[in-house]
Amino acid sequence: MTAPARRVRLDLAYDGTDFCGWQMQPGRRTVQGVVEEALAALHAGRRVALRAASRTDSGVHARGQVADCEVRLRHGDSALAYTLRRLLPPDVRPLAVRTIADDFHSRNHALGKVYRYRIDRTPHGDPFARRFALHHPAPLDQGRMRAALQLLPGRHDWSGFTSRLAAGDDPVRLLTVAELDDSVAGEIGLVFAAEGFLRYMVRNLVGTLIEIGKGTIPLERVRRILEHGDPRLAGPTAAAKGLHLLRVDYAQPRP
């Protein structure tokens, strides 16, 4: 007998190196694809549609992706998490599974997201960071980069830091955190928190900040990009491998 339907939240971590992003694409290996394949195996081949808080791009990693779907299984939450870990490849891990309200929507109910971009500053290139950080051993003026980061928080039109806008996409977002973290030896991290991000927005911010740190772009360029919304004024898009989705924030459930 089929178990009653329930909605579950999946907290996922994955190494995005060998994935063509989150979203399902015919003939390509995606995170959504492999997780749905595992869920289908538990539902006698029936597709279980999975939706996620963030459609991470090809090569982007996640430590705290959130997805949700409807399941019809007798497995409890812990048993389902255990079974998925056995079915899924080692580069995507279910951190937790929990039953949630039927109206929960991982993307629409997200209040904010936090990303970290890792830059390997070692002269030799850390072999243990090569899949997860951009190697940039050349000098960077961190003081200038911090000064540029201080110009970013606030509600702005981010058109100048995206490659293209989808039809009907609002380019205005509230960015609450833009910080440089050098607490890890041999590495700097650029951390951004916002209510939402446009496609390539963080990677374009990072590319611009690196150029400011190198001295090839003036600090004042940040204001011009925000004012004019012209992506041609920004630096190059930083490599996907340095970008990590750290966390998706939601309202606390009512007691």
Protein backbone atom coordinates (compact mmCIF):
# COMPACT_ATOMS: atom_id res chain seq x y z
CA MET A 1 0.00 0.00 0.00
CA THR A 2 1.31 3.45 -0.93
CA ALA A 3 2.29 5.61 2.03
CA PRO A 4 0.49 8.95 2.43
CA ALA A 5 2.08 11.94 0.75
CA ARG A 6 4.20 14.34 2.77
CA ARG A 7 6.53 17.21 1.91
CA VAL A 8 10.14 16.96 2.97
CA ARG A 9 12.95 19.46 3.10
CA LEU A 10 16.39 18.26 2.00
CA ASP A 11 19.50 20.10 3.16
CA LEU A 12 22.23 19.29 0.65
CA ALA A 13 25.95 19.79 0.22
CA TYR A 14 27.74 19.15 -3.05
CA ASP A 15 31.00 19.54 -4.91
CA GLY A 16 29.82 21.26 -8.08
CA THR A 17 32.95 20.49 -10.14
CA ASP A 18 31.50 17.62 -12.13
CA PHE A 19 27.93 18.94 -12.32
CA CYS A 20 26.44 21.18 -15.02
CA GLY A 21 24.76 23.20 -12.30
CA TRP A 22 21.67 22.47 -10.24
CA GLN A 23 18.88 22.57 -12.81
CA MET A 24 17.89 19.53 -14.84
CA GLN A 25 19.25 19.57 -18.41
CA PRO A 26 18.75 16.80 -20.99
CA GLY A 27 21.88 14.72 -21.46
CA ARG A 28 23.83 16.56 -18.75
CA ARG A 29 24.75 15.62 -15.21
CA THR A 30 23.07 18.01 -12.78
CA VAL A 31 22.51 18.00 -9.04
CA GLN A 32 18.74 18.06 -9.45
CA GLY A 33 19.01 15.19 -11.91
CA VAL A 34 20.99 12.82 -9.69
CA VAL A 35 18.89 13.56 -6.58
CA GLU A 36 15.65 13.06 -8.51
CA GLU A 37 17.06 9.81 -9.90
CA ALA A 38 17.67 8.56 -6.36
CA LEU A 39 14.19 9.62 -5.26
CA ALA A 40 12.64 7.93 -8.30
CA ALA A 41 14.39 4.68 -7.36
CA LEU A 42 12.49 4.80 -4.07
CA HIS A 43 9.19 5.45 -5.87
CA ALA A 44 9.25 2.56 -8.36
CA GLY A 45 10.61 4.78 -11.11
CA ARG A 46 8.06 7.57 -10.71
CA ARG A 47 9.58 11.04 -11.01
CA VAL A 48 9.65 13.09 -7.82
CA ALA A 49 9.92 16.78 -8.76
CA LEU A 50 12.52 18.58 -6.67
CA ARG A 51 12.70 22.36 -6.32
CA ALA A 52 15.60 24.26 -4.77
CA ALA A 53 16.27 27.59 -3.10
CA SER A 54 19.09 28.40 -5.53
CA ARG A 55 19.73 27.21 -9.07
CA THR A 56 23.51 27.17 -8.74
CA ASP A 57 25.47 27.36 -12.00
CA SER A 58 27.87 24.83 -13.47
CA GLY A 59 30.90 24.35 -11.22
CA VAL A 60 29.41 26.20 -8.22
CA HIS A 61 29.45 24.38 -4.87
CA ALA A 62 27.02 24.28 -1.97
CA ARG A 63 27.39 23.61 1.72
CA GLY A 64 23.81 24.59 2.55
CA GLN A 65 21.50 24.15 -0.43
CA VAL A 66 17.84 23.63 0.49
CA ALA A 67 15.37 21.70 -1.65
CA ASP A 68 11.91 20.28 -1.13
CA CYS A 69 9.67 17.66 -2.70
CA GLU A 70 6.65 15.48 -2.04
CA VAL A 71 7.36 11.85 -1.15
CA ARG A 72 5.15 8.82 -0.62
CA LEU A 73 7.39 6.62 1.48
CA ARG A 74 7.21 4.71 4.73
CA HIS A 75 10.77 5.83 5.56
CA GLY A 76 10.99 8.24 8.47
CA ASP A 77 13.12 11.34 7.97
CA SER A 78 16.31 9.80 9.37
CA ALA A 79 15.82 6.58 7.42
CA LEU A 80 15.23 8.54 4.21
CA ALA A 81 18.41 10.57 4.74
CA TYR A 82 20.37 7.36 5.36
CA THR A 83 18.93 5.67 2.25
CA LEU A 84 19.63 8.67 0.03
CA ARG A 85 23.23 8.75 1.22
CA ARG A 86 23.61 5.16 0.05
CA LEU A 87 21.99 5.86 -3.32
CA LEU A 88 23.64 9.17 -4.19
CA PRO A 89 27.17 9.65 -5.57
CA PRO A 90 29.83 10.91 -3.14
CA ASP A 91 29.89 14.45 -4.57
CA VAL A 92 26.37 15.20 -3.33
CA ARG A 93 25.39 14.55 0.29
CA PRO A 94 22.03 14.91 2.05
CA LEU A 95 22.91 16.59 5.35
CA ALA A 96 19.41 16.29 6.74
CA VAL A 97 15.85 15.40 5.79
CA ARG A 98 12.85 16.70 7.67
CA THR A 99 9.10 16.63 7.14
CA ILE A 100 7.73 20.14 6.78
CA ALA A 101 4.43 21.91 6.15
CA ASP A 102 2.73 21.08 2.86
CA ASP A 103 2.88 24.71 1.75
CA PHE A 104 6.65 25.08 2.27
CA HIS A 105 8.49 26.32 -0.84
CA SER A 106 12.28 26.28 -0.65
CA ARG A 107 12.72 29.14 -3.11
CA ASN A 108 9.70 31.36 -2.51
CA HIS A 109 9.97 31.22 1.28
CA ALA A 110 13.71 31.94 1.45
CA LEU A 111 14.45 35.20 3.25
CA GLY A 112 18.09 35.38 2.26
CA LYS A 113 21.18 33.54 1.06
CA VAL A 114 24.83 33.66 2.03
CA TYR A 115 27.66 33.01 -0.42
CA ARG A 116 31.40 32.82 0.09
CA TYR A 117 33.97 33.15 -2.68
CA ARG A 118 37.34 31.57 -1.91
CA ILE A 119 40.61 32.93 -3.29
CA ASP A 120 43.76 30.83 -2.82
CA ARG A 121 46.62 33.24 -2.13
CA THR A 122 49.42 30.71 -1.74
CA PRO A 123 52.34 31.18 -4.17
CA HIS A 124 52.34 27.50 -5.17
CA GLY A 125 48.60 26.85 -5.35
CA ASP A 126 47.08 24.63 -2.68
CA PRO A 127 46.35 21.23 -4.30
CA PHE A 128 43.58 20.67 -1.74
CA ALA A 129 41.85 23.89 -2.81
CA ARG A 130 42.22 23.58 -6.58
CA ARG A 131 38.61 22.44 -7.08
CA PHE A 132 37.16 24.94 -4.61
CA ALA A 133 39.10 28.20 -4.86
CA LEU A 134 40.44 30.59 -7.48
CA HIS A 135 44.25 30.63 -7.34
CA HIS A 136 45.48 34.24 -7.41
CA PRO A 137 49.03 34.57 -6.01
CA ALA A 138 49.67 38.07 -7.44
CA PRO A 139 49.53 41.05 -5.04
CA LEU A 140 46.11 42.33 -3.99
CA ASP A 141 45.53 45.48 -1.97
CA GLN A 142 43.09 44.22 0.63
CA GLY A 143 42.58 47.71 2.00
CA ARG A 144 41.22 48.87 -1.36
CA MET A 145 39.07 45.76 -1.64
CA ARG A 146 37.59 46.38 1.82
CA ALA A 147 36.88 50.00 0.93
CA ALA A 148 35.04 48.83 -2.21
CA LEU A 149 33.07 46.26 -0.22
CA GLN A 150 31.84 49.01 2.11
CA LEU A 151 30.12 50.66 -0.86
CA LEU A 152 27.99 47.62 -1.65
CA PRO A 153 25.51 46.99 1.22
CA GLY A 154 22.07 48.47 0.65
CA ARG A 155 19.16 48.17 -1.75
CA HIS A 156 20.51 48.71 -5.27
CA ASP A 157 19.83 47.95 -8.89
CA TRP A 158 22.44 45.26 -9.61
CA SER A 159 22.07 45.25 -13.41
CA GLY A 160 25.73 46.20 -13.80
CA PHE A 161 26.83 43.03 -12.02
CA THR A 162 24.83 40.47 -13.99
CA SER A 163 25.29 38.96 -17.42
CA ARG A 164 21.63 39.15 -18.39
CA LEU A 165 18.26 39.55 -16.77
CA ALA A 166 15.52 37.00 -17.26
CA ALA A 167 12.19 38.34 -18.49
CA GLY A 168 10.37 39.99 -15.61
CA ASP A 169 13.35 39.67 -13.25
CA ASP A 170 13.66 42.57 -10.81
CA PRO A 171 17.31 43.73 -10.66
CA VAL A 172 16.82 45.46 -7.30
CA ARG A 173 18.04 43.47 -4.30
CA LEU A 174 18.94 44.27 -0.69
CA LEU A 175 22.54 43.28 0.03
CA THR A 176 23.15 43.14 3.78
CA VAL A 177 26.71 41.79 4.06
CA ALA A 178 29.81 42.34 1.90
CA GLU A 179 32.98 41.43 3.77
CA LEU A 180 36.54 40.23 3.26
CA ASP A 181 37.62 37.44 5.59
CA ASP A 182 41.35 36.67 5.83
CA SER A 183 41.16 34.44 8.92
CA VAL A 184 42.13 31.31 6.95
CA ALA A 185 45.87 31.09 6.33
CA GLY A 186 46.79 31.39 2.66
CA GLU A 187 43.28 32.33 1.60
CA ILE A 188 40.86 35.21 1.50
CA GLY A 189 37.11 34.81 1.40
CA LEU A 190 34.63 37.32 0.05
CA VAL A 191 31.30 36.88 1.85
CA PHE A 192 27.98 38.22 0.60
CA ALA A 193 24.51 37.99 2.12
CA ALA A 194 21.37 39.26 0.41
CA GLU A 195 17.66 38.64 0.10
CA GLY A 196 18.44 37.28 -3.36
CA PHE A 197 21.11 37.33 -6.06
CA LEU A 198 21.02 37.76 -9.82
CA ARG A 199 22.77 35.30 -12.10
CA TYR A 200 26.57 35.71 -11.97
CA MET A 201 26.12 38.63 -9.56
CA VAL A 202 28.55 37.37 -6.92
CA ARG A 203 31.13 36.23 -9.48
CA ASN A 204 30.98 39.62 -11.23
CA LEU A 205 31.34 41.41 -7.91
CA VAL A 206 34.37 39.25 -7.12
CA GLY A 207 35.94 39.87 -10.53
CA THR A 208 35.54 43.61 -10.04
CA LEU A 209 36.94 43.49 -6.51
CA ILE A 210 39.99 41.55 -7.69
CA GLU A 211 40.67 44.19 -10.35
CA ILE A 212 40.32 46.91 -7.71
CA GLY A 213 42.77 44.99 -5.52
CA LYS A 214 45.20 44.76 -8.44
CA GLY A 215 44.85 48.49 -9.08
CA THR A 216 43.56 48.10 -12.66
CA ILE A 217 40.09 49.44 -11.78
CA PRO A 218 39.62 52.57 -9.65
CA LEU A 219 37.69 52.28 -6.41
CA GLU A 220 35.11 54.80 -7.64
CA ARG A 221 34.11 52.40 -10.42
CA VAL A 222 31.82 50.57 -8.00
CA ARG A 223 29.60 53.65 -7.63
CA ARG A 224 29.51 54.12 -11.42
CA ILE A 225 28.43 50.55 -12.02
CA LEU A 226 25.66 50.85 -9.44
CA GLU A 227 24.52 54.20 -10.84
CA HIS A 228 24.61 53.33 -14.55
CA GLY A 229 23.90 49.57 -14.47
CA ASP A 230 26.43 48.96 -17.25
CA PRO A 231 28.12 45.53 -16.97
CA ARG A 232 30.83 46.69 -19.38
CA LEU A 233 32.25 48.77 -16.51
CA ALA A 234 32.68 45.72 -14.27
CA GLY A 235 35.61 43.38 -14.06
CA PRO A 236 35.67 39.87 -15.59
CA THR A 237 33.41 37.17 -14.20
CA ALA A 238 35.37 35.17 -11.59
CA ALA A 239 35.66 31.41 -12.07
CA ALA A 240 32.73 29.34 -10.83
CA LYS A 241 34.87 26.97 -8.77
CA GLY A 242 35.51 29.55 -6.04
CA LEU A 243 31.83 30.13 -5.28
CA HIS A 244 30.06 28.36 -2.41
CA LEU A 245 26.44 28.64 -1.31
CA LEU A 246 26.86 28.56 2.46
CA ARG A 247 23.33 28.97 3.77
CA VAL A 248 19.72 29.73 2.95
CA ASP A 249 17.74 31.55 5.65
CA TYR A 250 14.08 31.07 6.49
CA ALA A 251 11.70 32.44 9.10
CA GLN A 252 11.65 30.45 12.31
CA PRO A 253 8.57 28.22 12.52
CA ARG A 254 5.91 29.31 14.98
CA PRO A 255 5.87 27.30 18.23
